[in-house]
Amino acid sequence: MTTSTEKKLSEADANLTKPTDGHFSMVRNFYLADVITLMNGVCGVQSVLSSMRYLTTNNVRDLQTSMILMPLGMLFDFMDGRVARWRNNSSLLGQELDSLADLISFGLAPAALAFAVGMRTYLDTIALTYFVCCGIARLARYNATVALAPKDATGKVHHFEGTPIPTSLSLVGLIAYFVYNDLYLDTLPGQVIQLAQDWEIHPLVFIYVLSGTFMISKTLRIPKP
């Protein structure tokens, strides 16, 4: 007898549960949309590594590369959903891939960029960690509730609860403006505030705190384009 859970599985998901001797059987089950989603993840990882490289080279081109890769990841994130609907195939695997790629490209990568441009105090890192954890919680909530969310005829969700994690690109755009105008590291706007001995924080990091808080909001509803 077929269970309700099995009915929800796509062919690709069902194939993942079958015993097989093929080492690359999972890759063969990827849809085109899944490959595009992975490219989003590639952009995110390379962005993080570029920010890390800047810490050793102090070459502003590494920061520029890091910032360019995040909008490029957004392009792939935009395309994968369109391709999935165009080809009329999607999977639970693809949904998880999308969330994990988004977490890297729009959660971890913007936080790494903030650290690279100067938000490096201990309190700064706590604020950036909060931002990333909000992104994790936001994506987990979406995955847990998307099946029950109201959708249109094409299967698109009507609205988001809380701001989508790609809205963090607005923070990246702001930092890009600062870098372009040589306002980073010691000249970062707002400088640094000393709250107590050995406890310092950059006021600019609070835009990350605010962004993370908007992500996990239950009452803030954003229409999905």
C-alpha atoms as a PDB file:
ATOM      1  CA  MET A   1       0.000   0.000   0.000  1.00  0.00           C
ATOM      2  CA  THR A   2       1.372   3.453  -0.939  1.00  0.00           C
ATOM      3  CA  THR A   3       1.637   5.857   1.974  1.00  0.00           C
ATOM      4  CA  SER A   4       0.925   9.570   1.790  1.00  0.00           C
ATOM      5  CA  THR A   5       4.625  10.272   2.308  1.00  0.00           C
ATOM      6  CA  GLU A   6       5.571   8.120  -0.659  1.00  0.00           C
ATOM      7  CA  LYS A   7       3.034   9.911  -2.832  1.00  0.00           C
ATOM      8  CA  LYS A   8       4.780  13.197  -2.165  1.00  0.00           C
ATOM      9  CA  LEU A   9       8.126  11.870  -3.349  1.00  0.00           C
ATOM     10  CA  SER A  10       9.237  12.748  -6.853  1.00  0.00           C
ATOM     11  CA  GLU A  11      10.911  10.137  -9.020  1.00  0.00           C
ATOM     12  CA  ALA A  12      14.298  11.604  -8.143  1.00  0.00           C
ATOM     13  CA  ASP A  13      13.543  11.456  -4.394  1.00  0.00           C
ATOM     14  CA  ALA A  14      12.277   7.888  -4.673  1.00  0.00           C
ATOM     15  CA  ASN A  15      15.440   6.830  -6.500  1.00  0.00           C
ATOM     16  CA  LEU A  16      17.545   8.126  -3.614  1.00  0.00           C
ATOM     17  CA  THR A  17      15.974   5.564  -1.285  1.00  0.00           C
ATOM     18  CA  LYS A  18      16.621   2.610  -3.568  1.00  0.00           C
ATOM     19  CA  PRO A  19      19.624   0.397  -2.809  1.00  0.00           C
ATOM     20  CA  THR A  20      22.248   0.803  -5.522  1.00  0.00           C
ATOM     21  CA  ASP A  21      25.887   0.035  -6.162  1.00  0.00           C
ATOM     22  CA  GLY A  22      26.457   3.182  -8.191  1.00  0.00           C
ATOM     23  CA  HIS A  23      28.839   5.588  -6.466  1.00  0.00           C
ATOM     24  CA  PHE A  24      27.387   8.582  -8.321  1.00  0.00           C
ATOM     25  CA  SER A  25      23.747   7.545  -8.381  1.00  0.00           C
ATOM     26  CA  MET A  26      22.719  10.668  -6.454  1.00  0.00           C
ATOM     27  CA  VAL A  27      24.261  12.953  -9.080  1.00  0.00           C
ATOM     28  CA  ARG A  28      22.390  11.126 -11.837  1.00  0.00           C
ATOM     29  CA  ASN A  29      19.153  11.969 -10.049  1.00  0.00           C
ATOM     30  CA  PHE A  30      19.784  15.715 -10.182  1.00  0.00           C
ATOM     31  CA  TYR A  31      17.364  17.747 -12.254  1.00  0.00           C
ATOM     32  CA  LEU A  32      18.620  20.694 -14.301  1.00  0.00           C
ATOM     33  CA  ALA A  33      17.217  23.035 -11.638  1.00  0.00           C
ATOM     34  CA  ASP A  34      19.297  21.241  -8.984  1.00  0.00           C
ATOM     35  CA  VAL A  35      22.493  21.828 -10.962  1.00  0.00           C
ATOM     36  CA  ILE A  36      21.632  25.533 -11.219  1.00  0.00           C
ATOM     37  CA  THR A  37      21.031  25.582  -7.455  1.00  0.00           C
ATOM     38  CA  LEU A  38      24.479  24.109  -6.879  1.00  0.00           C
ATOM     39  CA  MET A  39      25.949  26.971  -8.893  1.00  0.00           C
ATOM     40  CA  ASN A  40      24.397  29.300  -6.323  1.00  0.00           C
ATOM     41  CA  GLY A  41      26.268  27.343  -3.657  1.00  0.00           C
ATOM     42  CA  VAL A  42      29.494  27.564  -5.669  1.00  0.00           C
ATOM     43  CA  CYS A  43      29.164  31.355  -5.784  1.00  0.00           C
ATOM     44  CA  GLY A  44      28.584  31.487  -2.034  1.00  0.00           C
ATOM     45  CA  VAL A  45      31.577  29.331  -1.154  1.00  0.00           C
ATOM     46  CA  GLN A  46      33.852  31.270  -3.486  1.00  0.00           C
ATOM     47  CA  SER A  47      32.590  34.518  -1.970  1.00  0.00           C
ATOM     48  CA  VAL A  48      33.476  33.347   1.533  1.00  0.00           C
ATOM     49  CA  LEU A  49      36.915  32.202   0.385  1.00  0.00           C
ATOM     50  CA  SER A  50      37.527  35.531  -1.366  1.00  0.00           C
ATOM     51  CA  SER A  51      36.739  37.379   1.882  1.00  0.00           C
ATOM     52  CA  MET A  52      39.137  35.059   3.714  1.00  0.00           C
ATOM     53  CA  ARG A  53      41.796  35.636   1.051  1.00  0.00           C
ATOM     54  CA  TYR A  54      41.518  39.381   1.582  1.00  0.00           C
ATOM     55  CA  LEU A  55      42.524  38.894   5.218  1.00  0.00           C
ATOM     56  CA  THR A  56      45.913  37.590   4.050  1.00  0.00           C
ATOM     57  CA  THR A  57      46.471  39.645   0.878  1.00  0.00           C
ATOM     58  CA  ASN A  58      44.842  43.008   1.743  1.00  0.00           C
ATOM     59  CA  ASN A  59      44.070  43.217  -1.964  1.00  0.00           C
ATOM     60  CA  VAL A  60      40.799  45.083  -2.486  1.00  0.00           C
ATOM     61  CA  ARG A  61      40.151  42.984  -5.607  1.00  0.00           C
ATOM     62  CA  ASP A  62      39.466  40.040  -3.316  1.00  0.00           C
ATOM     63  CA  LEU A  63      36.727  42.067  -1.600  1.00  0.00           C
ATOM     64  CA  GLN A  64      35.321  43.064  -4.965  1.00  0.00           C
ATOM     65  CA  THR A  65      35.263  39.420  -6.078  1.00  0.00           C
ATOM     66  CA  SER A  66      33.496  38.434  -2.869  1.00  0.00           C
ATOM     67  CA  MET A  67      30.820  41.080  -3.390  1.00  0.00           C
ATOM     68  CA  ILE A  68      30.261  40.303  -7.065  1.00  0.00           C
ATOM     69  CA  LEU A  69      29.775  36.591  -6.433  1.00  0.00           C
ATOM     70  CA  MET A  70      26.801  37.101  -4.108  1.00  0.00           C
ATOM     71  CA  PRO A  71      24.517  38.811  -6.681  1.00  0.00           C
ATOM     72  CA  LEU A  72      25.679  36.187  -9.178  1.00  0.00           C
ATOM     73  CA  GLY A  73      24.450  33.548  -6.741  1.00  0.00           C
ATOM     74  CA  MET A  74      21.142  35.422  -6.587  1.00  0.00           C
ATOM     75  CA  LEU A  75      20.867  35.087 -10.363  1.00  0.00           C
ATOM     76  CA  PHE A  76      21.200  31.314 -10.099  1.00  0.00           C
ATOM     77  CA  ASP A  77      18.733  31.306  -7.178  1.00  0.00           C
ATOM     78  CA  PHE A  78      16.249  33.187  -9.360  1.00  0.00           C
ATOM     79  CA  MET A  79      16.759  30.827 -12.288  1.00  0.00           C
ATOM     80  CA  ASP A  80      16.444  27.474 -10.525  1.00  0.00           C
ATOM     81  CA  GLY A  81      12.794  27.982  -9.526  1.00  0.00           C
ATOM     82  CA  ARG A  82      11.863  29.158 -13.008  1.00  0.00           C
ATOM     83  CA  VAL A  83      13.580  26.172 -14.597  1.00  0.00           C
ATOM     84  CA  ALA A  84      11.893  23.755 -12.186  1.00  0.00           C
ATOM     85  CA  ARG A  85       8.439  25.134 -13.052  1.00  0.00           C
ATOM     86  CA  TRP A  86       9.263  25.281 -16.781  1.00  0.00           C
ATOM     87  CA  ARG A  87      10.312  21.628 -16.842  1.00  0.00           C
ATOM     88  CA  ASN A  88       7.597  20.701 -14.343  1.00  0.00           C
ATOM     89  CA  ASN A  89       9.948  18.770 -12.118  1.00  0.00           C
ATOM     90  CA  SER A  90      11.015  19.416  -8.554  1.00  0.00           C
ATOM     91  CA  SER A  91      12.071  17.324  -5.592  1.00  0.00           C
ATOM     92  CA  LEU A  92      12.570  17.420  -1.848  1.00  0.00           C
ATOM     93  CA  LEU A  93      16.274  17.074  -2.579  1.00  0.00           C
ATOM     94  CA  GLY A  94      16.126  20.232  -4.692  1.00  0.00           C
ATOM     95  CA  GLN A  95      14.326  22.076  -1.906  1.00  0.00           C
ATOM     96  CA  GLU A  96      17.035  21.185   0.588  1.00  0.00           C
ATOM     97  CA  LEU A  97      19.778  22.065  -1.894  1.00  0.00           C
ATOM     98  CA  ASP A  98      18.175  25.469  -2.413  1.00  0.00           C
ATOM     99  CA  SER A  99      18.070  26.242   1.306  1.00  0.00           C
ATOM    100  CA  LEU A 100      21.645  25.136   1.940  1.00  0.00           C
ATOM    101  CA  ALA A 101      22.955  27.127  -1.030  1.00  0.00           C
ATOM    102  CA  ASP A 102      20.990  30.208   0.112  1.00  0.00           C
ATOM    103  CA  LEU A 103      22.431  29.893   3.602  1.00  0.00           C
ATOM    104  CA  ILE A 104      25.968  30.040   2.231  1.00  0.00           C
ATOM    105  CA  SER A 105      25.430  32.740  -0.404  1.00  0.00           C
ATOM    106  CA  PHE A 106      23.116  35.055   1.552  1.00  0.00           C
ATOM    107  CA  GLY A 107      23.902  34.171   5.159  1.00  0.00           C
ATOM    108  CA  LEU A 108      27.494  33.119   5.669  1.00  0.00           C
ATOM    109  CA  ALA A 109      29.010  35.064   2.758  1.00  0.00           C
ATOM    110  CA  PRO A 110      27.619  38.503   3.821  1.00  0.00           C
ATOM    111  CA  ALA A 111      28.773  37.816   7.397  1.00  0.00           C
ATOM    112  CA  ALA A 112      32.266  36.885   6.174  1.00  0.00           C
ATOM    113  CA  LEU A 113      32.349  40.077   4.106  1.00  0.00           C
ATOM    114  CA  ALA A 114      31.422  42.180   7.146  1.00  0.00           C
ATOM    115  CA  PHE A 115      34.248  40.585   9.119  1.00  0.00           C
ATOM    116  CA  ALA A 116      36.691  41.186   6.262  1.00  0.00           C
ATOM    117  CA  VAL A 117      35.902  44.911   5.969  1.00  0.00           C
ATOM    118  CA  GLY A 118      36.482  45.539   9.664  1.00  0.00           C
ATOM    119  CA  MET A 119      33.663  44.272  11.901  1.00  0.00           C
ATOM    120  CA  ARG A 120      36.012  42.002  13.825  1.00  0.00           C
ATOM    121  CA  THR A 121      35.515  42.646  17.536  1.00  0.00           C
ATOM    122  CA  TYR A 122      34.146  39.897  19.731  1.00  0.00           C
ATOM    123  CA  LEU A 123      30.777  41.647  20.007  1.00  0.00           C
ATOM    124  CA  ASP A 124      30.758  42.111  16.228  1.00  0.00           C
ATOM    125  CA  THR A 125      31.175  38.365  15.763  1.00  0.00           C
ATOM    126  CA  ILE A 126      28.289  37.681  18.151  1.00  0.00           C
ATOM    127  CA  ALA A 127      26.062  39.996  16.101  1.00  0.00           C
ATOM    128  CA  LEU A 128      27.153  38.354  12.838  1.00  0.00           C
ATOM    129  CA  THR A 129      26.554  34.905  14.327  1.00  0.00           C
ATOM    130  CA  TYR A 130      23.053  36.009  15.315  1.00  0.00           C
ATOM    131  CA  PHE A 131      22.463  37.134  11.728  1.00  0.00           C
ATOM    132  CA  VAL A 132      23.542  33.762  10.295  1.00  0.00           C
ATOM    133  CA  CYS A 133      21.504  31.821  12.868  1.00  0.00           C
ATOM    134  CA  CYS A 134      18.427  33.868  11.960  1.00  0.00           C
ATOM    135  CA  GLY A 135      19.013  32.836   8.355  1.00  0.00           C
ATOM    136  CA  ILE A 136      19.206  29.191   9.401  1.00  0.00           C
ATOM    137  CA  ALA A 137      15.961  29.474  11.371  1.00  0.00           C
ATOM    138  CA  ARG A 138      14.249  31.360   8.530  1.00  0.00           C
ATOM    139  CA  LEU A 139      15.107  28.686   5.961  1.00  0.00           C
ATOM    140  CA  ALA A 140      14.166  25.852   8.317  1.00  0.00           C
ATOM    141  CA  ARG A 141      10.771  27.429   8.985  1.00  0.00           C
ATOM    142  CA  TYR A 142      10.158  27.852   5.268  1.00  0.00           C
ATOM    143  CA  ASN A 143      11.001  24.213   4.538  1.00  0.00           C
ATOM    144  CA  ALA A 144       8.770  23.035   7.372  1.00  0.00           C
ATOM    145  CA  THR A 145       5.748  25.108   6.308  1.00  0.00           C
ATOM    146  CA  VAL A 146       6.016  25.441   2.517  1.00  0.00           C
ATOM    147  CA  ALA A 147       3.852  22.369   1.876  1.00  0.00           C
ATOM    148  CA  LEU A 148       0.950  23.987   3.761  1.00  0.00           C
ATOM    149  CA  ALA A 149       1.436  27.555   2.532  1.00  0.00           C
ATOM    150  CA  PRO A 150      -1.185  28.947   0.093  1.00  0.00           C
ATOM    151  CA  LYS A 151      -0.035  28.754  -3.546  1.00  0.00           C
ATOM    152  CA  ASP A 152      -1.211  29.918  -6.960  1.00  0.00           C
ATOM    153  CA  ALA A 153      -1.957  27.731  -9.982  1.00  0.00           C
ATOM    154  CA  THR A 154       1.744  27.424 -10.847  1.00  0.00           C
ATOM    155  CA  GLY A 155       2.682  26.229  -7.373  1.00  0.00           C
ATOM    156  CA  LYS A 156       4.267  29.502  -6.243  1.00  0.00           C
ATOM    157  CA  VAL A 157       3.832  30.538  -2.618  1.00  0.00           C
ATOM    158  CA  HIS A 158       1.789  33.743  -2.254  1.00  0.00           C
ATOM    159  CA  HIS A 159       3.997  35.410   0.349  1.00  0.00           C
ATOM    160  CA  PHE A 160       6.993  35.024   2.607  1.00  0.00           C
ATOM    161  CA  GLU A 161       6.828  35.108   6.402  1.00  0.00           C
ATOM    162  CA  GLY A 162       9.658  37.411   7.352  1.00  0.00           C
ATOM    163  CA  THR A 163      12.079  38.832   4.830  1.00  0.00           C
ATOM    164  CA  PRO A 164      13.663  36.253   2.485  1.00  0.00           C
ATOM    165  CA  ILE A 165      17.329  35.618   3.188  1.00  0.00           C
ATOM    166  CA  PRO A 166      18.453  37.034  -0.204  1.00  0.00           C
ATOM    167  CA  THR A 167      17.434  40.487   1.084  1.00  0.00           C
ATOM    168  CA  SER A 168      20.837  40.441   2.789  1.00  0.00           C
ATOM    169  CA  LEU A 169      22.188  41.580  -0.587  1.00  0.00           C
ATOM    170  CA  SER A 170      21.051  45.062   0.434  1.00  0.00           C
ATOM    171  CA  LEU A 171      23.725  44.900   3.152  1.00  0.00           C
ATOM    172  CA  VAL A 172      26.262  43.772   0.576  1.00  0.00           C
ATOM    173  CA  GLY A 173      25.304  46.714  -1.635  1.00  0.00           C
ATOM    174  CA  LEU A 174      25.855  49.123   1.256  1.00  0.00           C
ATOM    175  CA  ILE A 175      29.259  47.644   2.048  1.00  0.00           C
ATOM    176  CA  ALA A 176      30.163  47.764  -1.646  1.00  0.00           C
ATOM    177  CA  TYR A 177      29.418  51.496  -1.577  1.00  0.00           C
ATOM    178  CA  PHE A 178      31.678  51.937   1.448  1.00  0.00           C
ATOM    179  CA  VAL A 179      34.500  49.941  -0.138  1.00  0.00           C
ATOM    180  CA  TYR A 180      34.199  51.898  -3.382  1.00  0.00           C
ATOM    181  CA  ASN A 181      34.571  55.130  -1.383  1.00  0.00           C
ATOM    182  CA  ASP A 182      37.438  53.737   0.715  1.00  0.00           C
ATOM    183  CA  LEU A 183      35.286  53.637   3.855  1.00  0.00           C
ATOM    184  CA  TYR A 184      36.300  50.362   5.420  1.00  0.00           C
ATOM    185  CA  LEU A 185      38.646  48.951   8.065  1.00  0.00           C
ATOM    186  CA  ASP A 186      39.804  51.966  10.138  1.00  0.00           C
ATOM    187  CA  THR A 187      37.511  54.356   8.257  1.00  0.00           C
ATOM    188  CA  LEU A 188      34.376  52.224   8.545  1.00  0.00           C
ATOM    189  CA  PRO A 189      31.344  54.530   9.123  1.00  0.00           C
ATOM    190  CA  GLY A 190      30.449  54.781  12.796  1.00  0.00           C
ATOM    191  CA  GLN A 191      33.922  53.672  13.771  1.00  0.00           C
ATOM    192  CA  VAL A 192      33.949  51.588  16.949  1.00  0.00           C
ATOM    193  CA  ILE A 193      32.271  52.130  20.329  1.00  0.00           C
ATOM    194  CA  GLN A 194      33.885  50.924  23.540  1.00  0.00           C
ATOM    195  CA  LEU A 195      31.153  49.718  25.881  1.00  0.00           C
ATOM    196  CA  ALA A 196      33.597  48.621  28.583  1.00  0.00           C
ATOM    197  CA  GLN A 197      37.181  47.557  28.876  1.00  0.00           C
ATOM    198  CA  ASP A 198      37.887  44.986  26.116  1.00  0.00           C
ATOM    199  CA  TRP A 199      34.260  45.209  24.938  1.00  0.00           C
ATOM    200  CA  GLU A 200      34.003  47.076  21.643  1.00  0.00           C
ATOM    201  CA  ILE A 201      31.451  47.025  18.845  1.00  0.00           C
ATOM    202  CA  HIS A 202      30.976  48.690  15.471  1.00  0.00           C
ATOM    203  CA  PRO A 203      27.522  50.349  15.341  1.00  0.00           C
ATOM    204  CA  LEU A 204      27.307  49.373  11.667  1.00  0.00           C
ATOM    205  CA  VAL A 205      26.966  45.726  12.649  1.00  0.00           C
ATOM    206  CA  PHE A 206      23.470  46.436  13.951  1.00  0.00           C
ATOM    207  CA  ILE A 207      22.180  46.520  10.374  1.00  0.00           C
ATOM    208  CA  TYR A 208      22.975  42.803  10.343  1.00  0.00           C
ATOM    209  CA  VAL A 209      21.105  42.323  13.611  1.00  0.00           C
ATOM    210  CA  LEU A 210      18.102  44.171  12.172  1.00  0.00           C
ATOM    211  CA  SER A 211      18.197  42.153   8.942  1.00  0.00           C
ATOM    212  CA  GLY A 212      18.306  38.874  10.875  1.00  0.00           C
ATOM    213  CA  THR A 213      15.420  39.956  13.104  1.00  0.00           C
ATOM    214  CA  PHE A 214      13.266  40.777  10.072  1.00  0.00           C
ATOM    215  CA  MET A 215      13.998  37.308   8.657  1.00  0.00           C
ATOM    216  CA  ILE A 216      12.516  35.480  11.631  1.00  0.00           C
ATOM    217  CA  SER A 217       9.491  37.775  12.002  1.00  0.00           C
ATOM    218  CA  LYS A 218       6.176  35.902  12.079  1.00  0.00           C
ATOM    219  CA  THR A 219       3.951  38.875  11.354  1.00  0.00           C
ATOM    220  CA  LEU A 220       5.968  40.518   8.571  1.00  0.00           C
ATOM    221  CA  ARG A 221       4.605  39.166   5.278  1.00  0.00           C
ATOM    222  CA  ILE A 222       6.371  39.912   1.995  1.00  0.00           C
ATOM    223  CA  PRO A 223       4.511  39.224  -1.297  1.00  0.00           C
ATOM    224  CA  LYS A 224       6.456  36.778  -3.449  1.00  0.00           C
ATOM    225  CA  PRO A 225       7.196  38.140  -6.931  1.00  0.00           C
END
